[in-house]
Amino acid sequence: MVVQIVSSTRDTLPPGTVVRCSTKDVSPEGLRIQLDQQVPEGFALELWVEISNHPSKFYLAGEVKWCQELEAGKRYLVGVSLSKGKTEDLELWQSLLDRNENDQLDDVREA
């Protein structure tokens, strides 16, 4: 998955910064991702998400709701709430996850 920082009220990472991450959990309303950089609450993100059994990538937008340090200054677990109306792919994403709610989508890939 690739995360692009779009905007923020803080100066920690400048807009346009691209950060690679791994997906830890997904739902129709959000994602839990692991990063090598701290991302403060309130950051607006754009995300590309690829699932192995789906023919295309999903372009999603969201906001960081929380950030938990896993390893002192090296790894962070981040909760992202997906934003409605920001991208056309959100409805497709939610539909796919709703259809697969009893199946695990554990093959979410980095894009």
PDB file of N, CA and C in Angstrom:
ATOM      1  N   MET A   1       0.853  -1.172   0.000  1.00  0.00           N
ATOM      2  CA  MET A   1       0.000   0.000   0.000  1.00  0.00           C
ATOM      3  C   MET A   1       0.892   1.226   0.000  1.00  0.00           C
ATOM      4  N   VAL A   2       0.471   2.225  -0.685  1.00  0.00           N
ATOM      5  CA  VAL A   2       1.173   3.505  -0.694  1.00  0.00           C
ATOM      6  C   VAL A   2       0.249   4.536  -0.072  1.00  0.00           C
ATOM      7  N   VAL A   3       0.762   5.307   0.862  1.00  0.00           N
ATOM      8  CA  VAL A   3      -0.004   6.366   1.501  1.00  0.00           C
ATOM      9  C   VAL A   3       0.599   7.693   1.085  1.00  0.00           C
ATOM     10  N   GLN A   4      -0.228   8.605   0.640  1.00  0.00           N
ATOM     11  CA  GLN A   4       0.244   9.943   0.298  1.00  0.00           C
ATOM     12  C   GLN A   4      -0.384  10.932   1.265  1.00  0.00           C
ATOM     13  N   ILE A   5       0.447  11.729   1.910  1.00  0.00           N
ATOM     14  CA  ILE A   5      -0.034  12.766   2.810  1.00  0.00           C
ATOM     15  C   ILE A   5      -0.530  13.934   1.959  1.00  0.00           C
ATOM     16  N   VAL A   6      -1.796  14.285   2.114  1.00  0.00           N
ATOM     17  CA  VAL A   6      -2.374  15.356   1.311  1.00  0.00           C
ATOM     18  C   VAL A   6      -2.308  16.684   2.046  1.00  0.00           C
ATOM     19  N   SER A   7      -2.761  16.695   3.297  1.00  0.00           N
ATOM     20  CA  SER A   7      -2.733  17.938   4.047  1.00  0.00           C
ATOM     21  C   SER A   7      -2.726  17.630   5.531  1.00  0.00           C
ATOM     22  N   SER A   8      -2.373  18.622   6.309  1.00  0.00           N
ATOM     23  CA  SER A   8      -2.329  18.453   7.748  1.00  0.00           C
ATOM     24  C   SER A   8      -2.308  19.813   8.412  1.00  0.00           C
ATOM     25  N   THR A   9      -2.683  19.813   9.660  1.00  0.00           N
ATOM     26  CA  THR A   9      -2.599  21.048  10.428  1.00  0.00           C
ATOM     27  C   THR A   9      -1.257  21.143  11.140  1.00  0.00           C
ATOM     28  N   ARG A  10      -0.404  20.142  10.940  1.00  0.00           N
ATOM     29  CA  ARG A  10       0.914  20.117  11.584  1.00  0.00           C
ATOM     30  C   ARG A  10       2.010  20.081  10.523  1.00  0.00           C
ATOM     31  N   ASP A  11       3.217  20.402  10.929  1.00  0.00           N
ATOM     32  CA  ASP A  11       4.343  20.457   9.990  1.00  0.00           C
ATOM     33  C   ASP A  11       5.251  19.235  10.070  1.00  0.00           C
ATOM     34  N   THR A  12       4.788  18.131  10.658  1.00  0.00           N
ATOM     35  CA  THR A  12       5.630  16.950  10.821  1.00  0.00           C
ATOM     36  C   THR A  12       6.068  16.382   9.485  1.00  0.00           C
ATOM     37  N   LEU A  13       5.140  16.200   8.565  1.00  0.00           N
ATOM     38  CA  LEU A  13       5.424  15.713   7.217  1.00  0.00           C
ATOM     39  C   LEU A  13       4.794  16.677   6.225  1.00  0.00           C
ATOM     40  N   PRO A  14       5.524  17.110   5.219  1.00  0.00           N
ATOM     41  CA  PRO A  14       4.959  18.065   4.262  1.00  0.00           C
ATOM     42  C   PRO A  14       3.938  17.402   3.336  1.00  0.00           C
ATOM     43  N   PRO A  15       2.960  18.169   2.834  1.00  0.00           N
ATOM     44  CA  PRO A  15       2.010  17.637   1.864  1.00  0.00           C
ATOM     45  C   PRO A  15       2.750  17.053   0.661  1.00  0.00           C
ATOM     46  N   GLY A  16       2.219  15.957   0.125  1.00  0.00           N
ATOM     47  CA  GLY A  16       2.833  15.303  -1.017  1.00  0.00           C
ATOM     48  C   GLY A  16       3.807  14.204  -0.647  1.00  0.00           C
ATOM     49  N   THR A  17       4.126  14.060   0.660  1.00  0.00           N
ATOM     50  CA  THR A  17       5.023  13.006   1.111  1.00  0.00           C
ATOM     51  C   THR A  17       4.395  11.643   0.821  1.00  0.00           C
ATOM     52  N   VAL A  18       5.168  10.723   0.271  1.00  0.00           N
ATOM     53  CA  VAL A  18       4.697   9.373   0.002  1.00  0.00           C
ATOM     54  C   VAL A  18       5.378   8.421   0.985  1.00  0.00           C
ATOM     55  N   VAL A  19       4.573   7.585   1.659  1.00  0.00           N
ATOM     56  CA  VAL A  19       5.057   6.673   2.683  1.00  0.00           C
ATOM     57  C   VAL A  19       4.561   5.265   2.364  1.00  0.00           C
ATOM     58  N   ARG A  20       5.452   4.266   2.395  1.00  0.00           N
ATOM     59  CA  ARG A  20       5.040   2.875   2.203  1.00  0.00           C
ATOM     60  C   ARG A  20       4.578   2.325   3.540  1.00  0.00           C
ATOM     61  N   CYS A  21       3.582   1.441   3.489  1.00  0.00           N
ATOM     62  CA  CYS A  21       3.066   0.872   4.729  1.00  0.00           C
ATOM     63  C   CYS A  21       2.519  -0.520   4.473  1.00  0.00           C
ATOM     64  N   SER A  22       2.158  -1.207   5.542  1.00  0.00           N
ATOM     65  CA  SER A  22       1.508  -2.510   5.408  1.00  0.00           C
ATOM     66  C   SER A  22       0.146  -2.446   6.090  1.00  0.00           C
ATOM     67  N   THR A  23      -0.790  -3.224   5.585  1.00  0.00           N
ATOM     68  CA  THR A  23      -2.147  -3.238   6.102  1.00  0.00           C
ATOM     69  C   THR A  23      -2.258  -4.291   7.190  1.00  0.00           C
ATOM     70  N   LYS A  24      -2.837  -3.929   8.313  1.00  0.00           N
ATOM     71  CA  LYS A  24      -3.013  -4.851   9.429  1.00  0.00           C
ATOM     72  C   LYS A  24      -4.462  -5.282   9.590  1.00  0.00           C
ATOM     73  N   ASP A  25      -5.409  -4.443   9.179  1.00  0.00           N
ATOM     74  CA  ASP A  25      -6.823  -4.754   9.316  1.00  0.00           C
ATOM     75  C   ASP A  25      -7.595  -3.812   8.405  1.00  0.00           C
ATOM     76  N   VAL A  26      -8.698  -4.306   7.823  1.00  0.00           N
ATOM     77  CA  VAL A  26      -9.520  -3.463   6.966  1.00  0.00           C
ATOM     78  C   VAL A  26     -10.987  -3.640   7.327  1.00  0.00           C
ATOM     79  N   SER A  27     -11.773  -2.602   7.077  1.00  0.00           N
ATOM     80  CA  SER A  27     -13.220  -2.651   7.263  1.00  0.00           C
ATOM     81  C   SER A  27     -13.835  -1.693   6.246  1.00  0.00           C
ATOM     82  N   PRO A  28     -15.155  -1.733   6.088  1.00  0.00           N
ATOM     83  CA  PRO A  28     -15.779  -0.797   5.142  1.00  0.00           C
ATOM     84  C   PRO A  28     -15.553   0.678   5.505  1.00  0.00           C
ATOM     85  N   GLU A  29     -15.322   0.964   6.784  1.00  0.00           N
ATOM     86  CA  GLU A  29     -15.170   2.358   7.227  1.00  0.00           C
ATOM     87  C   GLU A  29     -13.753   2.794   7.510  1.00  0.00           C
ATOM     88  N   GLY A  30     -12.800   1.850   7.491  1.00  0.00           N
ATOM     89  CA  GLY A  30     -11.451   2.273   7.831  1.00  0.00           C
ATOM     90  C   GLY A  30     -10.407   1.193   7.667  1.00  0.00           C
ATOM     91  N   LEU A  31      -9.169   1.564   7.997  1.00  0.00           N
ATOM     92  CA  LEU A  31      -8.034   0.655   7.907  1.00  0.00           C
ATOM     93  C   LEU A  31      -7.134   0.848   9.115  1.00  0.00           C
ATOM     94  N   ARG A  32      -6.422  -0.199   9.443  1.00  0.00           N
ATOM     95  CA  ARG A  32      -5.360  -0.123  10.437  1.00  0.00           C
ATOM     96  C   ARG A  32      -4.087  -0.468   9.678  1.00  0.00           C
ATOM     97  N   ILE A  33      -3.147   0.471   9.645  1.00  0.00           N
ATOM     98  CA  ILE A  33      -1.932   0.299   8.857  1.00  0.00           C
ATOM     99  C   ILE A  33      -0.699   0.464   9.753  1.00  0.00           C
ATOM    100  N   GLN A  34       0.399  -0.115   9.306  1.00  0.00           N
ATOM    101  CA  GLN A  34       1.660   0.014  10.028  1.00  0.00           C
ATOM    102  C   GLN A  34       2.632   0.831   9.190  1.00  0.00           C
ATOM    103  N   LEU A  35       3.215   1.846   9.809  1.00  0.00           N
ATOM    104  CA  LEU A  35       4.142   2.761   9.142  1.00  0.00           C
ATOM    105  C   LEU A  35       5.466   2.806   9.886  1.00  0.00           C
ATOM    106  N   ASP A  36       6.480   3.295   9.198  1.00  0.00           N
ATOM    107  CA  ASP A  36       7.782   3.526   9.822  1.00  0.00           C
ATOM    108  C   ASP A  36       7.920   4.958  10.314  1.00  0.00           C
ATOM    109  N   GLN A  37       6.860   5.745  10.145  1.00  0.00           N
ATOM    110  CA  GLN A  37       6.886   7.145  10.565  1.00  0.00           C
ATOM    111  C   GLN A  37       5.644   7.442  11.389  1.00  0.00           C
ATOM    112  N   GLN A  38       5.790   8.336  12.355  1.00  0.00           N
ATOM    113  CA  GLN A  38       4.652   8.771  13.143  1.00  0.00           C
ATOM    114  C   GLN A  38       3.801   9.716  12.305  1.00  0.00           C
ATOM    115  N   VAL A  39       2.498   9.524  12.358  1.00  0.00           N
ATOM    116  CA  VAL A  39       1.567  10.394  11.640  1.00  0.00           C
ATOM    117  C   VAL A  39       0.532  10.883  12.657  1.00  0.00           C
ATOM    118  N   PRO A  40       0.548  12.169  12.978  1.00  0.00           N
ATOM    119  CA  PRO A  40      -0.347  12.695  14.010  1.00  0.00           C
ATOM    120  C   PRO A  40      -1.823  12.632  13.610  1.00  0.00           C
ATOM    121  N   GLU A  41      -2.670  12.603  14.613  1.00  0.00           N
ATOM    122  CA  GLU A  41      -4.115  12.645  14.391  1.00  0.00           C
ATOM    123  C   GLU A  41      -4.474  13.869  13.554  1.00  0.00           C
ATOM    124  N   GLY A  42      -5.460  13.698  12.679  1.00  0.00           N
ATOM    125  CA  GLY A  42      -5.918  14.810  11.868  1.00  0.00           C
ATOM    126  C   GLY A  42      -5.310  14.874  10.485  1.00  0.00           C
ATOM    127  N   PHE A  43      -4.259  14.089  10.231  1.00  0.00           N
ATOM    128  CA  PHE A  43      -3.659  14.081   8.894  1.00  0.00           C
ATOM    129  C   PHE A  43      -4.678  13.559   7.887  1.00  0.00           C
ATOM    130  N   ALA A  44      -4.768  14.210   6.747  1.00  0.00           N
ATOM    131  CA  ALA A  44      -5.568  13.715   5.631  1.00  0.00           C
ATOM    132  C   ALA A  44      -4.664  12.848   4.768  1.00  0.00           C
ATOM    133  N   LEU A  45      -5.152  11.659   4.398  1.00  0.00           N
ATOM    134  CA  LEU A  45      -4.365  10.717   3.619  1.00  0.00           C
ATOM    135  C   LEU A  45      -5.091  10.304   2.349  1.00  0.00           C
ATOM    136  N   GLU A  46      -4.324  10.000   1.317  1.00  0.00           N
ATOM    137  CA  GLU A  46      -4.835   9.316   0.137  1.00  0.00           C
ATOM    138  C   GLU A  46      -4.146   7.966   0.118  1.00  0.00           C
ATOM    139  N   LEU A  47      -4.882   6.879  -0.163  1.00  0.00           N
ATOM    140  CA  LEU A  47      -4.331   5.532  -0.106  1.00  0.00           C
ATOM    141  C   LEU A  47      -4.670   4.746  -1.362  1.00  0.00           C
ATOM    142  N   TRP A  48      -3.717   3.952  -1.822  1.00  0.00           N
ATOM    143  CA  TRP A  48      -3.946   2.972  -2.879  1.00  0.00           C
ATOM    144  C   TRP A  48      -3.948   1.607  -2.210  1.00  0.00           C
ATOM    145  N   VAL A  49      -5.015   0.837  -2.383  1.00  0.00           N
ATOM    146  CA  VAL A  49      -5.128  -0.478  -1.763  1.00  0.00           C
ATOM    147  C   VAL A  49      -5.416  -1.514  -2.840  1.00  0.00           C
ATOM    148  N   GLU A  50      -4.688  -2.625  -2.781  1.00  0.00           N
ATOM    149  CA  GLU A  50      -4.879  -3.707  -3.743  1.00  0.00           C
ATOM    150  C   GLU A  50      -5.225  -4.987  -2.988  1.00  0.00           C
ATOM    151  N   ILE A  51      -6.260  -5.695  -3.446  1.00  0.00           N
ATOM    152  CA  ILE A  51      -6.651  -6.978  -2.881  1.00  0.00           C
ATOM    153  C   ILE A  51      -6.464  -8.020  -3.973  1.00  0.00           C
ATOM    154  N   SER A  52      -5.843  -9.133  -3.630  1.00  0.00           N
ATOM    155  CA  SER A  52      -5.414 -10.109  -4.643  1.00  0.00           C
ATOM    156  C   SER A  52      -6.538 -10.627  -5.530  1.00  0.00           C
ATOM    157  N   ASN A  53      -7.741 -10.801  -5.004  1.00  0.00           N
ATOM    158  CA  ASN A  53      -8.816 -11.355  -5.821  1.00  0.00           C
ATOM    159  C   ASN A  53      -9.694 -10.296  -6.484  1.00  0.00           C
ATOM    160  N   HIS A  54      -9.217  -9.065  -6.519  1.00  0.00           N
ATOM    161  CA  HIS A  54      -9.957  -7.977  -7.172  1.00  0.00           C
ATOM    162  C   HIS A  54      -9.103  -7.435  -8.312  1.00  0.00           C
ATOM    163  N   PRO A  55      -9.722  -7.181  -9.483  1.00  0.00           N
ATOM    164  CA  PRO A  55      -8.936  -6.806 -10.659  1.00  0.00           C
ATOM    165  C   PRO A  55      -8.264  -5.436 -10.633  1.00  0.00           C
ATOM    166  N   SER A  56      -8.693  -4.556  -9.749  1.00  0.00           N
ATOM    167  CA  SER A  56      -8.082  -3.226  -9.754  1.00  0.00           C
ATOM    168  C   SER A  56      -7.775  -2.746  -8.337  1.00  0.00           C
ATOM    169  N   LYS A  57      -7.021  -1.657  -8.264  1.00  0.00           N
ATOM    170  CA  LYS A  57      -6.668  -1.039  -6.985  1.00  0.00           C
ATOM    171  C   LYS A  57      -7.785  -0.094  -6.563  1.00  0.00           C
ATOM    172  N   PHE A  58      -7.856   0.161  -5.275  1.00  0.00           N
ATOM    173  CA  PHE A  58      -8.825   1.107  -4.734  1.00  0.00           C
ATOM    174  C   PHE A  58      -8.091   2.384  -4.340  1.00  0.00           C
ATOM    175  N   TYR A  59      -8.625   3.513  -4.778  1.00  0.00           N
ATOM    176  CA  TYR A  59      -8.092   4.812  -4.393  1.00  0.00           C
ATOM    177  C   TYR A  59      -9.026   5.356  -3.324  1.00  0.00           C
ATOM    178  N   LEU A  60      -8.522   5.489  -2.094  1.00  0.00           N
ATOM    179  CA  LEU A  60      -9.333   5.891  -0.955  1.00  0.00           C
ATOM    180  C   LEU A  60      -8.730   7.112  -0.274  1.00  0.00           C
ATOM    181  N   ALA A  61      -9.559   7.838   0.443  1.00  0.00           N
ATOM    182  CA  ALA A  61      -9.104   8.997   1.214  1.00  0.00           C
ATOM    183  C   ALA A  61      -9.596   8.834   2.644  1.00  0.00           C
ATOM    184  N   GLY A  62      -8.808   9.305   3.586  1.00  0.00           N
ATOM    185  CA  GLY A  62      -9.210   9.185   4.979  1.00  0.00           C
ATOM    186  C   GLY A  62      -8.452  10.132   5.877  1.00  0.00           C
ATOM    187  N   GLU A  63      -8.740   9.997   7.168  1.00  0.00           N
ATOM    188  CA  GLU A  63      -8.119  10.847   8.176  1.00  0.00           C
ATOM    189  C   GLU A  63      -7.573   9.979   9.300  1.00  0.00           C
ATOM    190  N   VAL A  64      -6.372  10.312   9.763  1.00  0.00           N
ATOM    191  CA  VAL A  64      -5.762   9.591  10.874  1.00  0.00           C
ATOM    192  C   VAL A  64      -6.546   9.911  12.150  1.00  0.00           C
ATOM    193  N   LYS A  65      -7.021   8.848  12.821  1.00  0.00           N
ATOM    194  CA  LYS A  65      -7.773   9.008  14.065  1.00  0.00           C
ATOM    195  C   LYS A  65      -6.921   8.735  15.289  1.00  0.00           C
ATOM    196  N   TRP A  66      -5.907   7.880  15.139  1.00  0.00           N
ATOM    197  CA  TRP A  66      -4.991   7.577  16.237  1.00  0.00           C
ATOM    198  C   TRP A  66      -3.696   7.013  15.683  1.00  0.00           C
ATOM    199  N   CYS A  67      -2.637   7.128  16.479  1.00  0.00           N
ATOM    200  CA  CYS A  67      -1.324   6.603  16.099  1.00  0.00           C
ATOM    201  C   CYS A  67      -0.663   6.057  17.362  1.00  0.00           C
ATOM    202  N   GLN A  68      -0.316   4.754  17.325  1.00  0.00           N
ATOM    203  CA  GLN A  68       0.275   4.078  18.475  1.00  0.00           C
ATOM    204  C   GLN A  68       1.698   3.644  18.148  1.00  0.00           C
ATOM    205  N   GLU A  69       2.638   4.034  18.972  1.00  0.00           N
ATOM    206  CA  GLU A  69       4.028   3.636  18.771  1.00  0.00           C
ATOM    207  C   GLU A  69       4.193   2.163  19.154  1.00  0.00           C
ATOM    208  N   LEU A  70       4.747   1.367  18.238  1.00  0.00           N
ATOM    209  CA  LEU A  70       4.960  -0.058  18.487  1.00  0.00           C
ATOM    210  C   LEU A  70       6.384  -0.347  18.938  1.00  0.00           C
ATOM    211  N   GLU A  71       7.324   0.338  18.338  1.00  0.00           N
ATOM    212  CA  GLU A  71       8.739   0.140  18.627  1.00  0.00           C
ATOM    213  C   GLU A  71       9.377   1.525  18.630  1.00  0.00           C
ATOM    214  N   ALA A  72       9.962   1.903  19.730  1.00  0.00           N
ATOM    215  CA  ALA A  72      10.475   3.248  19.951  1.00  0.00           C
ATOM    216  C   ALA A  72      11.053   3.912  18.709  1.00  0.00           C
ATOM    217  N   GLY A  73      10.304   4.830  18.128  1.00  0.00           N
ATOM    218  CA  GLY A  73      10.753   5.614  16.992  1.00  0.00           C
ATOM    219  C   GLY A  73      10.925   4.854  15.691  1.00  0.00           C
ATOM    220  N   LYS A  74      10.486   3.591  15.629  1.00  0.00           N
ATOM    221  CA  LYS A  74      10.709   2.792  14.420  1.00  0.00           C
ATOM    222  C   LYS A  74       9.436   2.336  13.719  1.00  0.00           C
ATOM    223  N   ARG A  75       8.393   1.968  14.479  1.00  0.00           N
ATOM    224  CA  ARG A  75       7.159   1.478  13.867  1.00  0.00           C
ATOM    225  C   ARG A  75       5.949   2.041  14.593  1.00  0.00           C
ATOM    226  N   TYR A  76       4.910   2.316  13.803  1.00  0.00           N
ATOM    227  CA  TYR A  76       3.696   2.900  14.345  1.00  0.00           C
ATOM    228  C   TYR A  76       2.482   2.206  13.750  1.00  0.00           C
ATOM    229  N   LEU A  77       1.469   1.983  14.569  1.00  0.00           N
ATOM    230  CA  LEU A  77       0.195   1.450  14.124  1.00  0.00           C
ATOM    231  C   LEU A  77      -0.763   2.628  14.052  1.00  0.00           C
ATOM    232  N   VAL A  78      -1.437   2.782  12.904  1.00  0.00           N
ATOM    233  CA  VAL A  78      -2.244   3.973  12.647  1.00  0.00           C
ATOM    234  C   VAL A  78      -3.667   3.576  12.271  1.00  0.00           C
ATOM    235  N   GLY A  79      -4.644   4.212  12.895  1.00  0.00           N
ATOM    236  CA  GLY A  79      -6.048   4.010  12.562  1.00  0.00           C
ATOM    237  C   GLY A  79      -6.514   5.102  11.618  1.00  0.00           C
ATOM    238  N   VAL A  80      -7.061   4.698  10.469  1.00  0.00           N
ATOM    239  CA  VAL A  80      -7.517   5.645   9.453  1.00  0.00           C
ATOM    240  C   VAL A  80      -9.019   5.473   9.246  1.00  0.00           C
ATOM    241  N   SER A  81      -9.765   6.549   9.372  1.00  0.00           N
ATOM    242  CA  SER A  81     -11.190   6.558   9.085  1.00  0.00           C
ATOM    243  C   SER A  81     -11.377   7.047   7.646  1.00  0.00           C
ATOM    244  N   LEU A  82     -12.047   6.235   6.826  1.00  0.00           N
ATOM    245  CA  LEU A  82     -12.228   6.600   5.424  1.00  0.00           C
ATOM    246  C   LEU A  82     -13.273   7.707   5.283  1.00  0.00           C
ATOM    247  N   SER A  83     -13.020   8.628   4.371  1.00  0.00           N
ATOM    248  CA  SER A  83     -13.863   9.804   4.182  1.00  0.00           C
ATOM    249  C   SER A  83     -14.856   9.590   3.053  1.00  0.00           C
ATOM    250  N   LYS A  84     -16.113   9.839   3.340  1.00  0.00           N
ATOM    251  CA  LYS A  84     -17.158   9.730   2.322  1.00  0.00           C
ATOM    252  C   LYS A  84     -17.099  10.933   1.390  1.00  0.00           C
ATOM    253  N   GLY A  85     -17.360  10.691   0.108  1.00  0.00           N
ATOM    254  CA  GLY A  85     -17.436  11.773  -0.862  1.00  0.00           C
ATOM    255  C   GLY A  85     -16.111  12.277  -1.380  1.00  0.00           C
ATOM    256  N   LYS A  86     -15.005  11.718  -0.917  1.00  0.00           N
ATOM    257  CA  LYS A  86     -13.686  12.180  -1.369  1.00  0.00           C
ATOM    258  C   LYS A  86     -13.198  11.419  -2.596  1.00  0.00           C
ATOM    259  N   THR A  87     -13.577  10.141  -2.727  1.00  0.00           N
ATOM    260  CA  THR A  87     -13.169   9.344  -3.881  1.00  0.00           C
ATOM    261  C   THR A  87     -14.336   8.474  -4.342  1.00  0.00           C
ATOM    262  N   GLU A  88     -14.326   8.120  -5.607  1.00  0.00           N
ATOM    263  CA  GLU A  88     -15.380   7.266  -6.154  1.00  0.00           C
ATOM    264  C   GLU A  88     -15.220   5.813  -5.731  1.00  0.00           C
ATOM    265  N   ASP A  89     -14.031   5.417  -5.334  1.00  0.00           N
ATOM    266  CA  ASP A  89     -13.767   4.020  -4.999  1.00  0.00           C
ATOM    267  C   ASP A  89     -14.314   3.597  -3.642  1.00  0.00           C
ATOM    268  N   LEU A  90     -14.697   4.532  -2.793  1.00  0.00           N
ATOM    269  CA  LEU A  90     -15.159   4.165  -1.458  1.00  0.00           C
ATOM    270  C   LEU A  90     -16.385   3.255  -1.521  1.00  0.00           C
ATOM    271  N   GLU A  91     -17.338   3.561  -2.388  1.00  0.00           N
ATOM    272  CA  GLU A  91     -18.540   2.722  -2.503  1.00  0.00           C
ATOM    273  C   GLU A  91     -18.179   1.316  -2.970  1.00  0.00           C
ATOM    274  N   LEU A  92     -17.255   1.191  -3.924  1.00  0.00           N
ATOM    275  CA  LEU A  92     -16.814  -0.126  -4.390  1.00  0.00           C
ATOM    276  C   LEU A  92     -16.121  -0.886  -3.256  1.00  0.00           C
ATOM    277  N   TRP A  93     -15.268  -0.194  -2.517  1.00  0.00           N
ATOM    278  CA  TRP A  93     -14.554  -0.777  -1.381  1.00  0.00           C
ATOM    279  C   TRP A  93     -15.546  -1.307  -0.343  1.00  0.00           C
ATOM    280  N   GLN A  94     -16.524  -0.470   0.023  1.00  0.00           N
ATOM    281  CA  GLN A  94     -17.495  -0.874   1.031  1.00  0.00           C
ATOM    282  C   GLN A  94     -18.348  -2.043   0.546  1.00  0.00           C
ATOM    283  N   SER A  95     -18.718  -2.021  -0.706  1.00  0.00           N
ATOM    284  CA  SER A  95     -19.510  -3.107  -1.275  1.00  0.00           C
ATOM    285  C   SER A  95     -18.731  -4.425  -1.236  1.00  0.00           C
ATOM    286  N   LEU A  96     -17.467  -4.380  -1.623  1.00  0.00           N
ATOM    287  CA  LEU A  96     -16.635  -5.582  -1.618  1.00  0.00           C
ATOM    288  C   LEU A  96     -16.499  -6.140  -0.201  1.00  0.00           C
ATOM    289  N   LEU A  97     -16.238  -5.266   0.752  1.00  0.00           N
ATOM    290  CA  LEU A  97     -16.054  -5.726   2.129  1.00  0.00           C
ATOM    291  C   LEU A  97     -17.361  -6.207   2.748  1.00  0.00           C
ATOM    292  N   ASP A  98     -18.470  -5.572   2.409  1.00  0.00           N
ATOM    293  CA  ASP A  98     -19.765  -6.031   2.909  1.00  0.00           C
ATOM    294  C   ASP A  98     -20.082  -7.427   2.385  1.00  0.00           C
ATOM    295  N   ARG A  99     -19.779  -7.687   1.114  1.00  0.00           N
ATOM    296  CA  ARG A  99     -20.020  -9.008   0.515  1.00  0.00           C
ATOM    297  C   ARG A  99     -19.134 -10.067   1.141  1.00  0.00           C
ATOM    298  N   ASN A 100     -17.965  -9.683   1.596  1.00  0.00           N
ATOM    299  CA  ASN A 100     -16.996 -10.627   2.137  1.00  0.00           C
ATOM    300  C   ASN A 100     -16.884 -10.555   3.658  1.00  0.00           C
ATOM    301  N   GLU A 101     -17.916 -10.066   4.329  1.00  0.00           N
ATOM    302  CA  GLU A 101     -17.803  -9.858   5.770  1.00  0.00           C
ATOM    303  C   GLU A 101     -17.559 -11.147   6.551  1.00  0.00           C
ATOM    304  N   ASN A 102     -17.984 -12.287   6.023  1.00  0.00           N
ATOM    305  CA  ASN A 102     -17.734 -13.544   6.711  1.00  0.00           C
ATOM    306  C   ASN A 102     -16.426 -14.191   6.277  1.00  0.00           C
ATOM    307  N   ASP A 103     -15.850 -13.711   5.193  1.00  0.00           N
ATOM    308  CA  ASP A 103     -14.570 -14.224   4.711  1.00  0.00           C
ATOM    309  C   ASP A 103     -13.470 -13.268   5.143  1.00  0.00           C
ATOM    310  N   GLN A 104     -12.307 -13.779   5.391  1.00  0.00           N
ATOM    311  CA  GLN A 104     -11.191 -12.909   5.730  1.00  0.00           C
ATOM    312  C   GLN A 104     -10.530 -12.400   4.462  1.00  0.00           C
ATOM    313  N   LEU A 105     -10.301 -11.110   4.407  1.00  0.00           N
ATOM    314  CA  LEU A 105      -9.559 -10.510   3.308  1.00  0.00           C
ATOM    315  C   LEU A 105      -8.134 -10.308   3.794  1.00  0.00           C
ATOM    316  N   ASP A 106      -7.424 -11.403   4.008  1.00  0.00           N
ATOM    317  CA  ASP A 106      -6.093 -11.261   4.582  1.00  0.00           C
ATOM    318  C   ASP A 106      -5.018 -11.110   3.512  1.00  0.00           C
ATOM    319  N   ASP A 107      -5.403 -11.056   2.264  1.00  0.00           N
ATOM    320  CA  ASP A 107      -4.416 -10.861   1.214  1.00  0.00           C
ATOM    321  C   ASP A 107      -4.570  -9.464   0.611  1.00  0.00           C
ATOM    322  N   VAL A 108      -4.513  -8.473   1.476  1.00  0.00           N
ATOM    323  CA  VAL A 108      -4.496  -7.083   1.041  1.00  0.00           C
ATOM    324  C   VAL A 108      -3.036  -6.749   0.771  1.00  0.00           C
ATOM    325  N   ARG A 109      -2.744  -6.282  -0.423  1.00  0.00           N
ATOM    326  CA  ARG A 109      -1.348  -6.083  -0.835  1.00  0.00           C
ATOM    327  C   ARG A 109      -0.965  -4.616  -0.828  1.00  0.00           C
ATOM    328  N   GLU A 110       0.348  -4.428  -0.755  1.00  0.00           N
ATOM    329  CA  GLU A 110       0.883  -3.088  -0.969  1.00  0.00           C
ATOM    330  C   GLU A 110       0.751  -2.781  -2.441  1.00  0.00           C
ATOM    331  N   ALA A 111       0.381  -1.567  -2.761  1.00  0.00           N
ATOM    332  CA  ALA A 111       0.211  -1.174  -4.155  1.00  0.00           C
ATOM    333  C   ALA A 111       1.384  -0.341  -4.614  1.00  0.00           C
TER     334      ALA A 111
END
